[in-house]
Amino acid sequence: MSEKKSVRPAEAAALLGVCRDTIYVLMRSGRLRSIKAGRARLIPVTAIDQFLSADEEFAT
C-alpha cells in the first residue's frame, strides 16, 4: 500500500502536534496550503513539509 498523499485537518494536527483549530488558522492565513474536495478539506503531505521547512528557515 502506498503512502498517503494528503491528510485531513485532524490528521495534520496530530502530525504537527497542534490542535485542529490551529490547522484551520494556518490554512486561512495561507501558511498551510490545502485543497477542497467536495465538502472535505485536504492538506497535501508536501504542504506540511513545506510549512515545516519555511518555519525552520524563519527560525534561523
C-alpha atoms as a PDB file:
ATOM      1  CA  MET A   1       0.000   0.000   0.000  1.00  0.00           C
ATOM      2  CA  SER A   2       1.315   3.441  -0.896  1.00  0.00           C
ATOM      3  CA  GLU A   3       1.779   6.388   1.441  1.00  0.00           C
ATOM      4  CA  LYS A   4      -0.989   8.945   1.755  1.00  0.00           C
ATOM      5  CA  LYS A   5      -0.641  11.992  -0.476  1.00  0.00           C
ATOM      6  CA  SER A   6      -2.983  14.115   1.644  1.00  0.00           C
ATOM      7  CA  VAL A   7      -4.459  14.178   5.124  1.00  0.00           C
ATOM      8  CA  ARG A   8      -7.496  15.686   6.804  1.00  0.00           C
ATOM      9  CA  PRO A   9      -7.050  18.625   9.216  1.00  0.00           C
ATOM     10  CA  ALA A  10      -7.307  16.376  12.306  1.00  0.00           C
ATOM     11  CA  GLU A  11      -4.549  14.116  10.948  1.00  0.00           C
ATOM     12  CA  ALA A  12      -2.387  17.145  10.104  1.00  0.00           C
ATOM     13  CA  ALA A  13      -2.881  18.434  13.644  1.00  0.00           C
ATOM     14  CA  ALA A  14      -1.691  15.115  15.059  1.00  0.00           C
ATOM     15  CA  LEU A  15       1.356  15.108  12.768  1.00  0.00           C
ATOM     16  CA  LEU A  16       2.316  18.643  13.782  1.00  0.00           C
ATOM     17  CA  GLY A  17       1.434  18.262  17.444  1.00  0.00           C
ATOM     18  CA  VAL A  18      -1.069  21.125  17.466  1.00  0.00           C
ATOM     19  CA  CYS A  19      -4.837  21.329  17.870  1.00  0.00           C
ATOM     20  CA  ARG A  20      -7.188  21.135  14.890  1.00  0.00           C
ATOM     21  CA  ASP A  21      -8.195  24.785  15.301  1.00  0.00           C
ATOM     22  CA  THR A  22      -4.565  25.815  14.771  1.00  0.00           C
ATOM     23  CA  ILE A  23      -4.567  23.948  11.462  1.00  0.00           C
ATOM     24  CA  TYR A  24      -7.624  25.921  10.314  1.00  0.00           C
ATOM     25  CA  VAL A  25      -5.964  29.198  11.357  1.00  0.00           C
ATOM     26  CA  LEU A  26      -2.854  28.256   9.360  1.00  0.00           C
ATOM     27  CA  MET A  27      -4.975  27.354   6.315  1.00  0.00           C
ATOM     28  CA  ARG A  28      -6.954  30.616   6.484  1.00  0.00           C
ATOM     29  CA  SER A  29      -3.758  32.668   6.788  1.00  0.00           C
ATOM     30  CA  GLY A  30      -2.263  30.912   3.759  1.00  0.00           C
ATOM     31  CA  ARG A  31       0.691  29.493   5.696  1.00  0.00           C
ATOM     32  CA  LEU A  32      -0.556  25.918   5.166  1.00  0.00           C
ATOM     33  CA  ARG A  33      -1.811  25.027   1.699  1.00  0.00           C
ATOM     34  CA  SER A  34      -4.958  22.947   1.381  1.00  0.00           C
ATOM     35  CA  ILE A  35      -7.431  21.882  -1.262  1.00  0.00           C
ATOM     36  CA  LYS A  36     -11.156  21.367  -1.172  1.00  0.00           C
ATOM     37  CA  ALA A  37     -12.516  18.064  -2.484  1.00  0.00           C
ATOM     38  CA  GLY A  38     -16.277  18.185  -2.306  1.00  0.00           C
ATOM     39  CA  ARG A  39     -17.063  19.039   1.301  1.00  0.00           C
ATOM     40  CA  ALA A  40     -13.730  17.740   2.589  1.00  0.00           C
ATOM     41  CA  ARG A  41     -10.669  19.880   3.187  1.00  0.00           C
ATOM     42  CA  LEU A  42      -7.430  18.025   2.398  1.00  0.00           C
ATOM     43  CA  ILE A  43      -3.862  19.038   3.151  1.00  0.00           C
ATOM     44  CA  PRO A  44      -1.197  17.616   0.845  1.00  0.00           C
ATOM     45  CA  VAL A  45       1.647  15.983   2.760  1.00  0.00           C
ATOM     46  CA  THR A  46       4.027  18.087   0.667  1.00  0.00           C
ATOM     47  CA  ALA A  47       2.318  21.221   2.046  1.00  0.00           C
ATOM     48  CA  ILE A  48       3.085  20.067   5.584  1.00  0.00           C
ATOM     49  CA  ASP A  49       6.734  19.507   4.601  1.00  0.00           C
ATOM     50  CA  GLN A  50       6.871  22.987   3.032  1.00  0.00           C
ATOM     51  CA  PHE A  51       5.300  24.539   6.115  1.00  0.00           C
ATOM     52  CA  LEU A  52       7.881  22.897   8.364  1.00  0.00           C
ATOM     53  CA  SER A  53      10.748  23.944   6.071  1.00  0.00           C
ATOM     54  CA  ALA A  54       9.521  27.546   5.981  1.00  0.00           C
ATOM     55  CA  ASP A  55       9.378  27.659   9.785  1.00  0.00           C
ATOM     56  CA  GLU A  56      12.926  26.261  10.009  1.00  0.00           C
ATOM     57  CA  GLU A  57      14.177  28.946   7.620  1.00  0.00           C
ATOM     58  CA  PHE A  58      12.380  31.631   9.618  1.00  0.00           C
ATOM     59  CA  ALA A  59      13.901  30.407  12.893  1.00  0.00           C
ATOM     60  CA  THR A  60      17.498  30.657  11.643  1.00  0.00           C
END
